[in-house]
Amino acid sequence: MRRKLHRTAIPYYLVDALIEVPYGLYPANMLYEYYSDEVQILRDKVALYARLPGGPSIIIQSALHF
């Protein structure tokens, strides 16, 4: 399903509501609409890891694998 997103269909009888949310996936990407914001994702990751015990060492290791 992830490889061929354009072929994914949800049958109408499984849908209860449809809500339009512009840039609702931000900072992730939306196929054919906009690309992901990798800088913002990294900032969010750093902010999250800074709150965890041992934060700075986790940030450095994570940034190297990003």
Protein backbone atom coordinates (compact mmCIF):
# COMPACT_ATOMS: atom_id res chain seq x y z
CA MET A 1 0.00 0.00 0.00
CA ARG A 2 2.83 2.45 0.76
CA ARG A 3 4.52 1.81 -2.56
CA LYS A 4 1.39 2.48 -4.64
CA LEU A 5 -0.58 5.09 -2.70
CA HIS A 6 -2.48 6.17 -5.80
CA ARG A 7 -4.01 2.68 -5.98
CA THR A 8 -5.33 2.75 -2.41
CA ALA A 9 -9.10 3.09 -2.21
CA ILE A 10 -11.45 3.24 0.77
CA PRO A 11 -14.98 2.00 0.00
CA TYR A 12 -17.70 4.59 0.60
CA TYR A 13 -19.57 2.33 3.05
CA LEU A 14 -16.57 2.37 5.41
CA VAL A 15 -16.48 6.19 5.59
CA ASP A 16 -18.56 7.99 8.23
CA ALA A 17 -17.19 11.49 7.73
CA LEU A 18 -14.73 13.42 5.58
CA ILE A 19 -12.95 16.43 7.02
CA GLU A 20 -10.71 18.70 4.99
CA VAL A 21 -7.68 19.87 6.94
CA PRO A 22 -5.22 21.90 4.85
CA TYR A 23 -1.65 20.81 5.60
CA GLY A 24 -3.04 18.30 8.10
CA LEU A 25 -0.03 16.02 7.65
CA TYR A 26 2.54 18.78 8.15
CA PRO A 27 5.51 18.34 8.63
CA ALA A 28 5.11 14.99 6.84
CA ASN A 29 4.43 14.88 3.12
CA MET A 30 1.18 14.40 1.21
CA LEU A 31 1.39 12.60 -2.11
CA TYR A 32 1.10 15.02 -5.06
CA GLU A 33 0.42 18.00 -2.73
CA TYR A 34 3.54 18.97 -0.76
CA TYR A 35 6.86 17.56 0.41
CA SER A 36 7.91 16.88 3.98
CA ASP A 37 9.73 19.55 5.98
CA GLU A 38 12.82 17.60 7.05
CA VAL A 39 14.24 20.56 9.00
CA GLN A 40 11.09 20.88 11.10
CA ILE A 41 10.99 17.12 11.70
CA LEU A 42 14.59 17.26 12.97
CA ARG A 43 13.77 20.26 15.22
CA ASP A 44 10.80 18.39 16.70
CA LYS A 45 12.96 15.31 17.23
CA VAL A 46 15.66 17.33 19.00
CA ALA A 47 13.07 19.05 21.21
CA LEU A 48 11.55 15.72 22.15
CA TYR A 49 14.87 14.02 22.91
CA ALA A 50 16.03 17.03 24.95
CA ARG A 51 13.23 16.24 27.42
CA LEU A 52 14.28 12.61 27.89
CA PRO A 53 16.85 11.43 30.46
CA GLY A 54 20.27 11.42 28.80
CA GLY A 55 18.91 13.83 26.20
CA PRO A 56 22.06 15.31 24.60
CA SER A 57 23.68 11.94 23.89
CA ILE A 58 20.43 10.66 22.35
CA ILE A 59 20.21 13.79 20.16
CA ILE A 60 23.71 13.28 18.75
CA GLN A 61 23.13 9.58 18.03
CA SER A 62 19.73 10.30 16.48
CA ALA A 63 21.00 13.16 14.31
CA LEU A 64 23.66 10.90 12.85
CA HIS A 65 21.04 8.38 11.78
CA PHE A 66 18.47 10.89 10.47
